[in-house]
C-alpha atoms as a PDB file:
ATOM      1  CA  MET A   1     138.401-197.553  47.501  1.00  0.00           C
ATOM      2  CA  ALA A   2     142.044-196.682  47.005  1.00  0.00           C
ATOM      3  CA  ALA A   3     143.115-194.258  44.283  1.00  0.00           C
ATOM      4  CA  PRO A   4     145.304-195.572  41.471  1.00  0.00           C
ATOM      5  CA  ARG A   5     149.015-194.766  41.676  1.00  0.00           C
ATOM      6  CA  SER A   6     148.768-192.602  38.575  1.00  0.00           C
ATOM      7  CA  ALA A   7     146.375-190.165  40.309  1.00  0.00           C
ATOM      8  CA  PRO A   8     148.029-187.015  41.675  1.00  0.00           C
ATOM      9  CA  ALA A   9     148.381-187.072  45.445  1.00  0.00           C
ATOM     10  CA  GLY A  10     147.012-183.529  45.935  1.00  0.00           C
ATOM     11  CA  ALA A  11     143.719-184.060  43.999  1.00  0.00           C
ATOM     12  CA  ARG A  12     140.698-184.882  46.068  1.00  0.00           C
ATOM     13  CA  ALA A  13     136.988-184.625  45.438  1.00  0.00           C
ATOM     14  CA  SER A  14     134.613-182.500  47.432  1.00  0.00           C
ATOM     15  CA  ARG A  15     132.816-184.480  50.106  1.00  0.00           C
ATOM     16  CA  TYR A  16     129.520-182.644  49.753  1.00  0.00           C
ATOM     17  CA  TYR A  17     127.426-180.879  47.139  1.00  0.00           C
ATOM     18  CA  SER A  18     127.604-177.116  46.765  1.00  0.00           C
ATOM     19  CA  SER A  19     125.121-175.218  44.608  1.00  0.00           C
ATOM     20  CA  PRO A  20     126.235-172.829  41.879  1.00  0.00           C
ATOM     21  CA  ASP A  21     126.464-169.106  42.575  1.00  0.00           C
ATOM     22  CA  VAL A  22     123.656-168.250  40.123  1.00  0.00           C
ATOM     23  CA  VAL A  23     120.387-170.165  39.859  1.00  0.00           C
ATOM     24  CA  PRO A  24     118.707-169.832  36.447  1.00  0.00           C
ATOM     25  CA  GLU A  25     115.062-168.836  36.132  1.00  0.00           C
ATOM     26  CA  PRO A  26     112.641-171.767  35.836  1.00  0.00           C
ATOM     27  CA  TRP A  27     111.417-172.632  32.322  1.00  0.00           C
ATOM     28  CA  ARG A  28     107.967-171.403  31.367  1.00  0.00           C
ATOM     29  CA  GLY A  29     105.958-172.379  28.323  1.00  0.00           C
ATOM     30  CA  ASP A  30     105.210-168.849  27.173  1.00  0.00           C
ATOM     31  CA  ARG A  31     106.636-168.903  23.669  1.00  0.00           C
ATOM     32  CA  PRO A  32     104.425-167.578  20.859  1.00  0.00           C
ATOM     33  CA  ALA A  33     103.966-170.981  19.205  1.00  0.00           C
ATOM     34  CA  GLU A  34     103.149-172.921  22.373  1.00  0.00           C
ATOM     35  CA  ILE A  35      99.993-175.024  22.151  1.00  0.00           C
ATOM     36  CA  ASP A  36      97.628-174.785  25.099  1.00  0.00           C
ATOM     37  CA  GLY A  37      95.934-178.112  25.714  1.00  0.00           C
ATOM     38  CA  LEU A  38      95.895-180.970  23.231  1.00  0.00           C
ATOM     39  CA  GLN A  39      97.309-181.041  19.725  1.00  0.00           C
ATOM     40  CA  PRO A  40      94.845-179.702  17.159  1.00  0.00           C
ATOM     41  CA  SER A  41      93.088-182.318  15.067  1.00  0.00           C
ATOM     42  CA  GLY A  42      91.217-182.223  11.814  1.00  0.00           C
ATOM     43  CA  ALA A  43      91.535-182.745   8.110  1.00  0.00           C
ATOM     44  CA  ARG A  44      95.059-182.365   6.709  1.00  0.00           C
ATOM     45  CA  LEU A  45      96.658-181.693  10.113  1.00  0.00           C
ATOM     46  CA  GLY A  46      98.348-185.077  10.350  1.00  0.00           C
ATOM     47  CA  SER A  47      98.561-187.469  13.255  1.00  0.00           C
ATOM     48  CA  GLN A  48     100.964-186.652  16.054  1.00  0.00           C
ATOM     49  CA  GLY A  49     102.797-189.439  17.802  1.00  0.00           C
ATOM     50  CA  PRO A  50     106.147-190.477  19.211  1.00  0.00           C
ATOM     51  CA  ASP A  51     109.116-191.598  17.100  1.00  0.00           C
ATOM     52  CA  GLN A  52     107.309-191.274  13.783  1.00  0.00           C
ATOM     53  CA  GLY A  53     110.536-191.386  11.818  1.00  0.00           C
ATOM     54  CA  PHE A  54     110.818-195.071  12.675  1.00  0.00           C
ATOM     55  CA  ALA A  55     108.007-195.736  10.175  1.00  0.00           C
ATOM     56  CA  LEU A  56     110.428-194.756   7.402  1.00  0.00           C
ATOM     57  CA  ARG A  57     112.871-197.414   8.528  1.00  0.00           C
ATOM     58  CA  ILE A  58     110.172-200.079   8.705  1.00  0.00           C
ATOM     59  CA  ALA A  59     108.856-199.090   5.273  1.00  0.00           C
ATOM     60  CA  ARG A  60     112.336-199.281   3.760  1.00  0.00           C
ATOM     61  CA  LEU A  61     112.782-202.757   5.226  1.00  0.00           C
ATOM     62  CA  ARG A  62     109.450-203.826   3.680  1.00  0.00           C
ATOM     63  CA  ALA A  63     110.100-202.133   0.319  1.00  0.00           C
ATOM     64  CA  ASP A  64     111.490-205.337  -1.218  1.00  0.00           C
ATOM     65  CA  ASP A  65     108.104-207.010  -0.636  1.00  0.00           C
ATOM     66  CA  VAL A  66     106.197-204.297  -2.524  1.00  0.00           C
ATOM     67  CA  CYS A  67     104.893-205.348  -5.949  1.00  0.00           C
ATOM     68  CA  PRO A  68     104.436-202.174  -8.011  1.00  0.00           C
ATOM     69  CA  ALA A  69     102.414-202.370 -11.197  1.00  0.00           C
ATOM     70  CA  PRO A  70     104.018-201.149 -14.421  1.00  0.00           C
ATOM     71  CA  GLY A  71     104.214-197.365 -14.384  1.00  0.00           C
ATOM     72  CA  GLU A  72     104.187-197.047 -10.585  1.00  0.00           C
ATOM     73  CA  ASP A  73     107.042-195.667  -8.512  1.00  0.00           C
ATOM     74  CA  VAL A  74     107.753-197.584  -5.293  1.00  0.00           C
ATOM     75  CA  ARG A  75     108.713-194.317  -3.548  1.00  0.00           C
ATOM     76  CA  ASP A  76     105.274-192.864  -4.298  1.00  0.00           C
ATOM     77  CA  LEU A  77     103.526-196.001  -3.040  1.00  0.00           C
ATOM     78  CA  ILE A  78     105.508-196.005   0.203  1.00  0.00           C
ATOM     79  CA  ALA A  79     105.019-192.275   0.767  1.00  0.00           C
ATOM     80  CA  GLY A  80     101.266-192.618   0.224  1.00  0.00           C
ATOM     81  CA  CYS A  81     101.037-195.408   2.790  1.00  0.00           C
ATOM     82  CA  LEU A  82     103.322-193.879   5.434  1.00  0.00           C
ATOM     83  CA  GLY A  83     100.691-191.413   6.597  1.00  0.00           C
ATOM     84  CA  ILE A  84      98.184-194.241   7.008  1.00  0.00           C
ATOM     85  CA  ALA A  85     100.619-196.174   9.176  1.00  0.00           C
ATOM     86  CA  LEU A  86     101.396-193.079  11.263  1.00  0.00           C
ATOM     87  CA  ARG A  87      97.709-192.321  11.727  1.00  0.00           C
ATOM     88  CA  ARG A  88      97.125-195.885  12.945  1.00  0.00           C
ATOM     89  CA  ALA A  89     100.062-195.713  15.370  1.00  0.00           C
ATOM     90  CA  SER A  90      98.902-192.383  16.790  1.00  0.00           C
ATOM     91  CA  MET A  91      95.399-193.758  17.350  1.00  0.00           C
ATOM     92  CA  PHE A  92      96.949-196.199  19.808  1.00  0.00           C
ATOM     93  CA  SER A  93      99.245-193.496  21.303  1.00  0.00           C
ATOM     94  CA  ARG A  94     102.436-195.278  20.389  1.00  0.00           C
ATOM     95  CA  ALA A  95     105.310-195.287  17.948  1.00  0.00           C
ATOM     96  CA  PRO A  96     104.809-197.040  14.599  1.00  0.00           C
ATOM     97  CA  VAL A  97     105.352-200.790  14.377  1.00  0.00           C
ATOM     98  CA  VAL A  98     105.581-203.176  11.444  1.00  0.00           C
ATOM     99  CA  HIS A  99     101.855-204.000  11.640  1.00  0.00           C
ATOM    100  CA  ASP A 100     100.974-200.382  10.882  1.00  0.00           C
ATOM    101  CA  ILE A 101     103.008-200.508   7.680  1.00  0.00           C
ATOM    102  CA  ASP A 102     101.675-203.955   6.781  1.00  0.00           C
ATOM    103  CA  ILE A 103      98.062-202.829   7.104  1.00  0.00           C
ATOM    104  CA  ALA A 104      98.657-199.736   4.985  1.00  0.00           C
ATOM    105  CA  PHE A 105     100.469-201.746   2.312  1.00  0.00           C
ATOM    106  CA  THR A 106      97.864-204.526   2.347  1.00  0.00           C
ATOM    107  CA  ILE A 107      94.774-202.350   1.922  1.00  0.00           C
ATOM    108  CA  TRP A 108      96.334-200.707  -1.139  1.00  0.00           C
ATOM    109  CA  GLY A 109      97.420-204.065  -2.569  1.00  0.00           C
ATOM    110  CA  LEU A 110     101.144-203.407  -2.428  1.00  0.00           C
ATOM    111  CA  TYR A 111     101.957-206.966  -1.313  1.00  0.00           C
ATOM    112  CA  ASP A 112      99.683-208.445  -3.982  1.00  0.00           C
ATOM    113  CA  ALA A 113     101.425-209.491  -7.208  1.00  0.00           C
ATOM    114  CA  ALA A 114      98.075-209.339  -9.053  1.00  0.00           C
ATOM    115  CA  PRO A 115      95.839-206.765  -7.334  1.00  0.00           C
ATOM    116  CA  PRO A 116      92.453-205.868  -8.815  1.00  0.00           C
ATOM    117  CA  SER A 117      92.946-203.751 -11.946  1.00  0.00           C
ATOM    118  CA  GLU A 118      90.574-201.067 -10.651  1.00  0.00           C
ATOM    119  CA  LEU A 119      92.711-200.737  -7.517  1.00  0.00           C
ATOM    120  CA  VAL A 120      95.870-200.383  -9.605  1.00  0.00           C
ATOM    121  CA  GLU A 121      94.298-197.638 -11.725  1.00  0.00           C
ATOM    122  CA  LEU A 122      93.163-195.798  -8.610  1.00  0.00           C
ATOM    123  CA  ARG A 123      96.644-196.117  -7.093  1.00  0.00           C
ATOM    124  CA  ARG A 124      98.238-194.740 -10.243  1.00  0.00           C
ATOM    125  CA  THR A 125      96.138-191.585 -10.120  1.00  0.00           C
ATOM    126  CA  MET A 126      96.100-191.055  -6.340  1.00  0.00           C
ATOM    127  CA  PHE A 127      99.726-191.917  -5.559  1.00  0.00           C
ATOM    128  CA  ALA A 128     101.427-190.283  -8.552  1.00  0.00           C
ATOM    129  CA  GLY A 129     104.141-187.927  -7.287  1.00  0.00           C
ATOM    130  CA  VAL A 130     103.235-188.278  -3.588  1.00  0.00           C
ATOM    131  CA  ALA A 131     106.887-188.914  -2.691  1.00  0.00           C
ATOM    132  CA  HIS A 132     107.511-185.215  -3.448  1.00  0.00           C
ATOM    133  CA  THR A 133     105.766-184.114  -0.245  1.00  0.00           C
ATOM    134  CA  GLY A 134     106.624-180.470  -0.699  1.00  0.00           C
ATOM    135  CA  HIS A 135     104.429-180.360  -3.770  1.00  0.00           C
ATOM    136  CA  HIS A 136     101.887-183.108  -3.043  1.00  0.00           C
ATOM    137  CA  TYR A 137     101.160-182.834   0.687  1.00  0.00           C
ATOM    138  CA  ASP A 138      97.426-182.294   0.167  1.00  0.00           C
ATOM    139  CA  GLN A 139      97.279-185.307  -2.098  1.00  0.00           C
ATOM    140  CA  ALA A 140      99.011-187.477   0.536  1.00  0.00           C
ATOM    141  CA  ARG A 141      96.678-186.171   3.260  1.00  0.00           C
ATOM    142  CA  ARG A 142      93.627-187.057   1.138  1.00  0.00           C
ATOM    143  CA  ILE A 143      94.871-190.652   0.893  1.00  0.00           C
ATOM    144  CA  VAL A 144      95.306-190.841   4.660  1.00  0.00           C
ATOM    145  CA  ASP A 145      92.066-189.087   5.578  1.00  0.00           C
ATOM    146  CA  MET A 146      89.889-191.288   3.380  1.00  0.00           C
ATOM    147  CA  VAL A 147      90.852-194.555   5.156  1.00  0.00           C
ATOM    148  CA  PRO A 148      88.091-195.364   7.668  1.00  0.00           C
ATOM    149  CA  GLU A 149      88.884-195.639  11.352  1.00  0.00           C
ATOM    150  CA  SER A 150      87.440-199.170  11.391  1.00  0.00           C
ATOM    151  CA  THR A 151      90.196-200.248   8.986  1.00  0.00           C
ATOM    152  CA  LEU A 152      92.878-198.731  11.189  1.00  0.00           C
ATOM    153  CA  ARG A 153      91.505-200.390  14.331  1.00  0.00           C
ATOM    154  CA  ALA A 154      91.472-203.839  12.710  1.00  0.00           C
ATOM    155  CA  THR A 155      94.214-206.391  13.238  1.00  0.00           C
ATOM    156  CA  PRO A 156      96.538-207.406  10.413  1.00  0.00           C
ATOM    157  CA  ALA A 157      94.846-210.840  10.323  1.00  0.00           C
ATOM    158  CA  GLN A 158      91.412-209.239   9.925  1.00  0.00           C
ATOM    159  CA  ILE A 159      92.669-207.039   7.084  1.00  0.00           C
ATOM    160  CA  THR A 160      94.345-209.939   5.301  1.00  0.00           C
ATOM    161  CA  SER A 161      91.206-212.066   5.571  1.00  0.00           C
ATOM    162  CA  ILE A 162      88.995-209.530   3.761  1.00  0.00           C
ATOM    163  CA  TYR A 163      91.485-208.184   1.208  1.00  0.00           C
ATOM    164  CA  PRO A 164      91.065-208.131  -1.865  1.00  0.00           C
ATOM    165  CA  ALA A 165      87.316-208.820  -1.740  1.00  0.00           C
ATOM    166  CA  GLN A 166      86.581-205.635   0.230  1.00  0.00           C
ATOM    167  CA  TRP A 167      89.442-203.342  -0.797  1.00  0.00           C
ATOM    168  CA  ARG A 168      87.020-200.468  -1.494  1.00  0.00           C
ATOM    169  CA  ALA A 169      85.704-200.509   2.072  1.00  0.00           C
ATOM    170  CA  LEU A 170      89.208-200.925   3.546  1.00  0.00           C
ATOM    171  CA  THR A 171      90.618-197.914   1.685  1.00  0.00           C
ATOM    172  CA  GLY A 172      87.526-195.763   2.056  1.00  0.00           C
ATOM    173  CA  VAL A 173      86.941-195.573  -1.700  1.00  0.00           C
ATOM    174  CA  ALA A 174      83.372-196.827  -1.260  1.00  0.00           C
ATOM    175  CA  ALA A 175      82.566-194.045   1.217  1.00  0.00           C
ATOM    176  CA  ALA A 176      84.271-191.393  -0.930  1.00  0.00           C
ATOM    177  CA  ALA A 177      82.268-192.477  -3.984  1.00  0.00           C
ATOM    178  CA  ALA A 178      79.021-192.232  -2.002  1.00  0.00           C
ATOM    179  CA  HIS A 179      79.705-188.552  -1.204  1.00  0.00           C
END
């Protein structure tokens, strides 16, 4: 291919690759905070997964569909459900998708204009202030950890078909009350 007329006549590219004079040392995972093996798991440790920040974007897009009861803050409701959506996404080893958010919002009755009054009262106490994660992280983790794995493995259609009749089982309230 010919060079454009604006290119200087004396400039020409090297015809072959030449390595640099100094070759850096290879990278080794020997830092003090390196994790050997798999990520730790357990209560209040969270759920690791790729691109978790995308759940915030999805939740903000769905925020207009949320029906808060009087005295509830939408930011608290969303923050309480985000961890549930992230836990579900990490169970399937993928980034969060809209179905993760929809399931979390559905089991807590956030799409329902008239959810059961007992559910609303429970939400008011459990979700109050959760949006301030620096102060309420344990409270948010309790909400996430109480949701049964069977709920998270269900499809959105399965969840919608049994909500509101079985909201206690979906959220894990029934199991928590038994203990």
